[in-house]
Amino acid sequence: MRLDKWLWHARFFKSRTLATRYIEKSRCRIDGRIVSKPHATVAPDMVLTFALGQRVRVVRIVALGDRRGPAPEARALYDEIDSA
């Protein structure tokens, strides 16, 4: 699945367009590798690192998801990893 689509499904961004712009302009990492293309492929067990606001999010992808569902469904798509 595309990175921008997954970030939208997981409800980190309100629209896929916002996710696409963020990836193109910010440093987002997949398994420690910097990516700047929204079409980068993600799969379960990959680790994403990205900054949202004042916080750096580190999440492990658990599932890809079929749709952008409610928040509890979106939360089940990833596990938060403590970066501290």
C-alpha atoms as a PDB file:
ATOM      1  CA  MET A   1       0.000   0.000   0.000  1.00  0.00           C
ATOM      2  CA  ARG A   2       1.124   3.569  -0.634  1.00  0.00           C
ATOM      3  CA  LEU A   3       2.490   5.487   2.347  1.00  0.00           C
ATOM      4  CA  ASP A   4       0.158   8.459   1.873  1.00  0.00           C
ATOM      5  CA  LYS A   5      -2.882   6.204   1.712  1.00  0.00           C
ATOM      6  CA  TRP A   6      -1.856   4.291   4.834  1.00  0.00           C
ATOM      7  CA  LEU A   7      -1.266   7.502   6.831  1.00  0.00           C
ATOM      8  CA  TRP A   8      -4.738   8.664   5.805  1.00  0.00           C
ATOM      9  CA  HIS A   9      -6.350   5.292   6.689  1.00  0.00           C
ATOM     10  CA  ALA A  10      -4.611   5.375  10.091  1.00  0.00           C
ATOM     11  CA  ARG A  11      -6.062   8.876  10.655  1.00  0.00           C
ATOM     12  CA  PHE A  12      -2.781  10.739  11.077  1.00  0.00           C
ATOM     13  CA  PHE A  13      -4.037  13.197   8.421  1.00  0.00           C
ATOM     14  CA  LYS A  14      -7.545  14.451   7.589  1.00  0.00           C
ATOM     15  CA  SER A  15      -7.076  13.946   3.852  1.00  0.00           C
ATOM     16  CA  ARG A  16      -4.859  11.980   1.538  1.00  0.00           C
ATOM     17  CA  THR A  17      -3.779  15.254  -0.087  1.00  0.00           C
ATOM     18  CA  LEU A  18      -2.463  16.527   3.252  1.00  0.00           C
ATOM     19  CA  ALA A  19      -0.593  13.252   3.777  1.00  0.00           C
ATOM     20  CA  THR A  20       0.931  13.543   0.289  1.00  0.00           C
ATOM     21  CA  ARG A  21       2.089  17.127   0.890  1.00  0.00           C
ATOM     22  CA  TYR A  22       3.544  16.217   4.276  1.00  0.00           C
ATOM     23  CA  ILE A  23       5.594  13.334   2.846  1.00  0.00           C
ATOM     24  CA  GLU A  24       6.926  15.505   0.008  1.00  0.00           C
ATOM     25  CA  LYS A  25       7.978  18.380   2.299  1.00  0.00           C
ATOM     26  CA  SER A  26       8.953  16.657   5.549  1.00  0.00           C
ATOM     27  CA  ARG A  27      11.339  13.946   6.598  1.00  0.00           C
ATOM     28  CA  CYS A  28       9.482  10.701   6.942  1.00  0.00           C
ATOM     29  CA  ARG A  29      11.362   7.452   7.505  1.00  0.00           C
ATOM     30  CA  ILE A  30      10.435   3.869   6.703  1.00  0.00           C
ATOM     31  CA  ASP A  31      12.661   1.421   8.594  1.00  0.00           C
ATOM     32  CA  GLY A  32      15.210   4.214   9.092  1.00  0.00           C
ATOM     33  CA  ARG A  33      15.359   5.131   5.379  1.00  0.00           C
ATOM     34  CA  ILE A  34      14.294   8.682   4.465  1.00  0.00           C
ATOM     35  CA  VAL A  35      11.466   8.802   1.930  1.00  0.00           C
ATOM     36  CA  SER A  36      10.040  11.809   0.107  1.00  0.00           C
ATOM     37  CA  LYS A  37       7.708  10.041  -2.305  1.00  0.00           C
ATOM     38  CA  PRO A  38       4.080   9.474  -1.281  1.00  0.00           C
ATOM     39  CA  HIS A  39       3.962   6.330  -3.414  1.00  0.00           C
ATOM     40  CA  ALA A  40       6.577   4.581  -1.232  1.00  0.00           C
ATOM     41  CA  THR A  41       5.320   1.110  -0.390  1.00  0.00           C
ATOM     42  CA  VAL A  42       4.548   0.104   3.194  1.00  0.00           C
ATOM     43  CA  ALA A  43       3.735  -3.320   4.606  1.00  0.00           C
ATOM     44  CA  PRO A  44       3.081  -4.858   8.034  1.00  0.00           C
ATOM     45  CA  ASP A  45       6.068  -4.939  10.423  1.00  0.00           C
ATOM     46  CA  MET A  46       7.631  -1.801   8.902  1.00  0.00           C
ATOM     47  CA  VAL A  47       8.510   1.038  11.287  1.00  0.00           C
ATOM     48  CA  LEU A  48       7.506   4.607  10.386  1.00  0.00           C
ATOM     49  CA  THR A  49       9.104   7.662  11.983  1.00  0.00           C
ATOM     50  CA  PHE A  50       7.679  11.119  11.375  1.00  0.00           C
ATOM     51  CA  ALA A  51       7.103  14.394  13.222  1.00  0.00           C
ATOM     52  CA  LEU A  52       3.606  15.694  13.855  1.00  0.00           C
ATOM     53  CA  GLY A  53       3.520  19.031  15.592  1.00  0.00           C
ATOM     54  CA  GLN A  54       6.011  19.019  18.469  1.00  0.00           C
ATOM     55  CA  ARG A  55       5.995  15.224  18.708  1.00  0.00           C
ATOM     56  CA  VAL A  56       7.996  12.580  16.855  1.00  0.00           C
ATOM     57  CA  ARG A  57       5.828   9.538  16.161  1.00  0.00           C
ATOM     58  CA  VAL A  58       7.393   6.100  15.867  1.00  0.00           C
ATOM     59  CA  VAL A  59       4.880   3.432  14.877  1.00  0.00           C
ATOM     60  CA  ARG A  60       5.047  -0.178  13.719  1.00  0.00           C
ATOM     61  CA  ILE A  61       2.523  -1.040  11.005  1.00  0.00           C
ATOM     62  CA  VAL A  62       0.315  -3.944  12.123  1.00  0.00           C
ATOM     63  CA  ALA A  63      -2.159  -4.007   9.233  1.00  0.00           C
ATOM     64  CA  LEU A  64      -2.886  -2.123   6.026  1.00  0.00           C
ATOM     65  CA  GLY A  65      -6.645  -1.622   6.289  1.00  0.00           C
ATOM     66  CA  ASP A  66      -9.279  -1.661   3.567  1.00  0.00           C
ATOM     67  CA  ARG A  67     -10.872   1.710   4.273  1.00  0.00           C
ATOM     68  CA  ARG A  68     -10.643   4.822   6.401  1.00  0.00           C
ATOM     69  CA  GLY A  69     -12.874   3.718   9.212  1.00  0.00           C
ATOM     70  CA  PRO A  70     -13.620   5.049  12.692  1.00  0.00           C
ATOM     71  CA  ALA A  71     -10.819   5.923  15.110  1.00  0.00           C
ATOM     72  CA  PRO A  72     -10.768   2.566  16.973  1.00  0.00           C
ATOM     73  CA  GLU A  73     -10.425   0.745  13.647  1.00  0.00           C
ATOM     74  CA  ALA A  74      -7.653   3.121  12.551  1.00  0.00           C
ATOM     75  CA  ARG A  75      -5.811   2.669  15.875  1.00  0.00           C
ATOM     76  CA  ALA A  76      -5.694  -1.087  15.235  1.00  0.00           C
ATOM     77  CA  LEU A  77      -3.538  -0.482  12.121  1.00  0.00           C
ATOM     78  CA  TYR A  78      -0.409   0.380  14.145  1.00  0.00           C
ATOM     79  CA  ASP A  79       1.417  -0.004  17.456  1.00  0.00           C
ATOM     80  CA  GLU A  80       3.024   3.015  19.049  1.00  0.00           C
ATOM     81  CA  ILE A  81       6.719   2.512  19.840  1.00  0.00           C
ATOM     82  CA  ASP A  82       8.206   4.505  22.698  1.00  0.00           C
ATOM     83  CA  SER A  83      11.127   6.531  21.395  1.00  0.00           C
ATOM     84  CA  ALA A  84      12.282   7.582  24.877  1.00  0.00           C
END
